[in-house]
Amino acid sequence: MKDPKIVMSPNKLVQYLDKPREDFTKKDIMKYIEENDIRLVNFRYVGGDGRLKQLNFVINSMVQLDSLLSTGERVDGSSLFPFIDAAESDLYVVPRFKTAFVDPFSDIPALNILCSYYASDGTPLGSSPENLLRKADRVLKETTGMNLEAMGELEYYVFRTGHDAYPVAAQRGYHESSPFSKFEKLRYEAMETIAGVGGTIKYGHSEVGTISGEEGEMEQHEIEFDPVPLEDAADEIVTAKWILRMIGDKYNVPISFAPKVVVGHAGSGLHIHTKLTKDGQNMMVEGDALSDTAKKAVAGYLRMAPSLTAFGNTVPLSYLRLVPHQEAPTSICWGDLNRSVLVRVPLGWLGVGNMVKDANPQETDDLEAEIGSQTVEFRSPDGSANIYLLLAGLAVAARHGLEMKDALEYAEKLYCDVNIFDHEEIQVKLPQLPASCAESAEYLLKDRKIYEKDGVFPPVVIDGTVEMLRSYDDKDLSERLFGKQEEIQKLVDEYLHCT
């Protein structure tokens, strides 16, 4: 009997080769290319700006293809990363076969493969995003015996000109449907395309943000993924952003992941859910309750939250989103189900019994919900995040929490069970997230030894990130821009497509 995951997979290579992506070999890739008349191979890799780059190859022989897949190719690292000197700029890009997918947009039959960077001596480039994340994942596993899985909630705005006969009130678009939601079909197409290249999508829906103006409307949507290993989670997010932009370009409607598009309206976040696993078991739960392991990881996230903004909130626009009453956290605290906190524990089907049986009394099969789905949600990041560095940072933070002697007491101290925006007396007692890129940089410098422990984050990455954040010179920016709509709009326009 065939594996149902293979039978139901929308990935053309998985179907054709009859094996899961993680088992793809060079021979598999060559077989698919030869037997499906693929004429182009595109190497794709993430640059220092967090976007997918591309190198194209026309296939002219199987010998050439074999060489390409066996050795990779050279690229100019100094043009991809600001910290690489032009005098020693050559890097190798080497394909990761499990990431191969048919290009859904190419008029010429083409195969895309994500790559990793290697230095001149053939070793992984430790400062490149994907290798840094792989090391963070490996060190966490070696020191704790656990794996960290993650998934993102990818929020974005679609821009359209004109107005419609079925308007939606501002900030009332959550889970709206057609005809009030105008870009359902675009979202469907994006979800199908993302799944077809290997993305593990959980669901999609319209989000709360709906904005109308003289020139047209903006409509917010979200695509949420399932938890997968860290490297896969990062690959999925960066590929999904590329796909959404390509589909937006196809229909001539701009799509933006910017943290803020209009002040006073909901911004776009990139909430990250995580769970620790061991031998396939979810370590975030014990019985019907959140485990001490989970609480220690939460403590690590809270402790490292200010410096994590250096990777998750990387442009001045980010700090116009992190303000009270705008669907984004400002205080460092956590709670169950609570959307006003930084770290939220969402419903995890713990102790709920057989709800499906209750809703469907005619059902004879046992349909008890499984508890393996419990995660914790880190709510401060936004679309400007370098997703590889952010997930690496969360792996560092989880490990730090697991190693903190007072982790449980620290977590208990920062637990909140009320809407903190309605309780100023609570807010003033809680530590706060940074208010600017400049402040974020200072927190990163304070925590750099934790990130650099065991060589996870190379010093050049910390120094380069600090330099970038300081270059914005955005200290007290919110106060300086207060009431200056034209200047705010210039800032929005500058970072509308920030990563």
Foldseek 3Di string as FASTA:
>chain_A
DADVCLVPFLAPLSVVVVHALLPDDLVSVLVCCVVVVAFKEWEWEAFPLLAIDIDIDGDDDSVVSSCCQVFADWDFQVVRYVLDDNVQGIKGWHFDRSQKGFPPPDPGTYIYTYTFIAGPVGHGPLQGLLNLLVVLQVVLCVVPVKGKWKKKKQKKKWWDFDDDPQEDDAQQQWQDDPPHDPCPVLVVVLVSVLSRSPFAWDDKGWGRGWDADPGGIMTMIITIGAIDGQSVNLVSVNVSVVSSQVSCVVVVIGMFQFQDQAQPAAGFFIKMWMFIDHPRATQQDDQLHGDVLVLLLLLLCLVLVQLLCLQFVQAQSLLSNCDPPRQAEWFRFEEEPASNHQKYWDDQLGPPAQPVCVVPVVDDDRDRDDRRRTIIIGGSGTPSGSSSVSSSSSSLSSSVSVPDPCSNVSRVVRYDDDNVSVPVVVRVVTHTHDNALQSSLVSCVVCVCSCCPPHSHDPSNNVVSSVSSVVNVCVCVCVVCVPVRVVVNVSCVVCRHSD
